[in-house]
C-alpha atoms as a PDB file:
ATOM      1  CA  UNK A   1       0.359  -0.160  -0.003  1.00  0.00           C
ATOM      2  CA  UNK A   2       0.980   3.609  -0.475  1.00  0.00           C
ATOM      3  CA  UNK A   3       1.841   5.862   2.184  1.00  0.00           C
ATOM      4  CA  UNK A   4      -1.400   7.829   1.147  1.00  0.00           C
ATOM      5  CA  UNK A   5      -3.675   4.671   1.097  1.00  0.00           C
ATOM      6  CA  UNK A   6      -2.068   4.184   4.763  1.00  0.00           C
ATOM      7  CA  UNK A   7      -2.749   7.603   6.372  1.00  0.00           C
ATOM      8  CA  UNK A   8      -6.377   7.176   4.556  1.00  0.00           C
ATOM      9  CA  UNK A   9      -6.839   4.109   6.479  1.00  0.00           C
ATOM     10  CA  UNK A  10      -5.505   5.281   9.948  1.00  0.00           C
ATOM     11  CA  UNK A  11      -7.564   7.954   9.447  1.00  0.00           C
ATOM     12  CA  UNK A  12     -10.795   6.015   8.943  1.00  0.00           C
ATOM     13  CA  UNK A  13     -10.291   4.306  11.829  1.00  0.00           C
ATOM     14  CA  UNK A  14      -9.623   7.387  13.877  1.00  0.00           C
ATOM     15  CA  UNK A  15     -12.853   8.405  12.878  1.00  0.00           C
ATOM     16  CA  UNK A  16     -15.005   5.179  13.398  1.00  0.00           C
ATOM     17  CA  UNK A  17     -13.866   4.965  17.020  1.00  0.00           C
ATOM     18  CA  UNK A  18     -14.656   8.818  17.991  1.00  0.00           C
ATOM     19  CA  UNK A  19     -17.735  10.048  19.647  1.00  0.00           C
ATOM     20  CA  UNK A  20     -17.668  13.299  17.490  1.00  0.00           C
ATOM     21  CA  UNK A  21     -19.684  12.271  14.746  1.00  0.00           C
ATOM     22  CA  UNK A  22     -22.292  10.777  16.584  1.00  0.00           C
ATOM     23  CA  UNK A  23     -22.596  13.614  19.312  1.00  0.00           C
ATOM     24  CA  UNK A  24     -22.435  15.996  16.070  1.00  0.00           C
ATOM     25  CA  UNK A  25     -25.472  14.102  14.561  1.00  0.00           C
ATOM     26  CA  UNK A  26     -27.416  14.375  17.681  1.00  0.00           C
ATOM     27  CA  UNK A  27     -26.927  18.024  18.310  1.00  0.00           C
ATOM     28  CA  UNK A  28     -27.720  18.546  14.454  1.00  0.00           C
ATOM     29  CA  UNK A  29     -30.729  16.535  14.905  1.00  0.00           C
ATOM     30  CA  UNK A  30     -32.118  18.288  18.236  1.00  0.00           C
ATOM     31  CA  UNK A  31     -31.348  21.451  16.395  1.00  0.00           C
ATOM     32  CA  UNK A  32     -33.511  20.597  13.410  1.00  0.00           C
ATOM     33  CA  UNK A  33     -36.249  18.924  16.022  1.00  0.00           C
ATOM     34  CA  UNK A  34     -36.649  22.430  17.712  1.00  0.00           C
ATOM     35  CA  UNK A  35     -36.853  24.322  14.850  1.00  0.00           C
ATOM     36  CA  UNK A  36     -39.461  22.150  13.647  1.00  0.00           C
ATOM     37  CA  UNK A  37     -41.855  22.759  16.446  1.00  0.00           C
ATOM     38  CA  UNK A  38     -41.029  26.443  16.675  1.00  0.00           C
ATOM     39  CA  UNK A  39     -42.558  25.922  12.859  1.00  0.00           C
ATOM     40  CA  UNK A  40     -45.373  23.696  13.755  1.00  0.00           C
ATOM     41  CA  UNK A  41     -46.487  26.067  16.828  1.00  0.00           C
ATOM     42  CA  UNK A  42     -45.988  29.152  14.329  1.00  0.00           C
ATOM     43  CA  UNK A  43     -48.386  27.679  11.660  1.00  0.00           C
ATOM     44  CA  UNK A  44     -51.496  27.932  13.950  1.00  0.00           C
ATOM     45  CA  UNK A  45     -51.967  30.867  16.660  1.00  0.00           C
ATOM     46  CA  UNK A  46     -54.522  28.823  18.493  1.00  0.00           C
ATOM     47  CA  UNK A  47     -51.633  26.272  18.786  1.00  0.00           C
ATOM     48  CA  UNK A  48     -49.170  29.120  20.074  1.00  0.00           C
ATOM     49  CA  UNK A  49     -51.747  30.089  22.843  1.00  0.00           C
ATOM     50  CA  UNK A  50     -52.152  26.344  23.746  1.00  0.00           C
ATOM     51  CA  UNK A  51     -48.427  25.693  24.022  1.00  0.00           C
ATOM     52  CA  UNK A  52     -48.170  28.555  26.518  1.00  0.00           C
ATOM     53  CA  UNK A  53     -44.651  29.745  27.061  1.00  0.00           C
ATOM     54  CA  UNK A  54     -43.229  27.711  24.464  1.00  0.00           C
ATOM     55  CA  UNK A  55     -45.870  29.281  22.186  1.00  0.00           C
ATOM     56  CA  UNK A  56     -45.097  32.980  23.325  1.00  0.00           C
ATOM     57  CA  UNK A  57     -41.206  32.198  22.113  1.00  0.00           C
ATOM     58  CA  UNK A  58     -42.274  30.818  19.236  1.00  0.00           C
ATOM     59  CA  UNK A  59     -43.949  33.984  18.238  1.00  0.00           C
ATOM     60  CA  UNK A  60     -41.566  36.306  19.042  1.00  0.00           C
ATOM     61  CA  UNK A  61     -39.286  34.879  16.343  1.00  0.00           C
ATOM     62  CA  UNK A  62     -41.098  36.850  14.418  1.00  0.00           C
ATOM     63  CA  UNK A  63     -40.669  34.441  11.531  1.00  0.00           C
ATOM     64  CA  UNK A  64     -43.275  32.721   9.266  1.00  0.00           C
ATOM     65  CA  UNK A  65     -43.652  29.196   9.029  1.00  0.00           C
ATOM     66  CA  UNK A  66     -42.254  28.651   5.705  1.00  0.00           C
ATOM     67  CA  UNK A  67     -39.183  27.136   4.457  1.00  0.00           C
ATOM     68  CA  UNK A  68     -36.869  30.219   3.974  1.00  0.00           C
ATOM     69  CA  UNK A  69     -37.799  30.955   7.936  1.00  0.00           C
ATOM     70  CA  UNK A  70     -36.295  27.186   8.751  1.00  0.00           C
ATOM     71  CA  UNK A  71     -33.759  27.095   7.029  1.00  0.00           C
ATOM     72  CA  UNK A  72     -32.366  30.880   8.190  1.00  0.00           C
ATOM     73  CA  UNK A  73     -33.723  29.304  11.904  1.00  0.00           C
ATOM     74  CA  UNK A  74     -30.999  26.327  11.464  1.00  0.00           C
ATOM     75  CA  UNK A  75     -28.501  28.655  10.338  1.00  0.00           C
ATOM     76  CA  UNK A  76     -28.961  31.006  13.289  1.00  0.00           C
ATOM     77  CA  UNK A  77     -28.396  27.698  15.632  1.00  0.00           C
ATOM     78  CA  UNK A  78     -25.240  26.205  13.721  1.00  0.00           C
ATOM     79  CA  UNK A  79     -24.066  29.865  14.029  1.00  0.00           C
ATOM     80  CA  UNK A  80     -24.410  29.756  17.942  1.00  0.00           C
ATOM     81  CA  UNK A  81     -23.132  25.832  18.183  1.00  0.00           C
ATOM     82  CA  UNK A  82     -19.691  27.615  16.307  1.00  0.00           C
ATOM     83  CA  UNK A  83     -19.140  30.629  18.498  1.00  0.00           C
ATOM     84  CA  UNK A  84     -19.665  28.064  21.600  1.00  0.00           C
ATOM     85  CA  UNK A  85     -15.930  26.911  20.547  1.00  0.00           C
END
């Protein structure tokens, strides 16, 4: 095997044993789920009142329940996660 193939194999083994990929996937799944919940609440003002404080927070975002707003919320989440490092 060449040196590049050996290095690639070693990196693959390190990535497979690392917990970072799983933790990152879990964090993005939770962020997408929370964003989806906010969009779900924003679709109906009665539903927002039924959810109480969480509905109030969703309405305070000032967004609409559409795809551009959902992607903007996910982008904000990733930006804040990047700044925590």
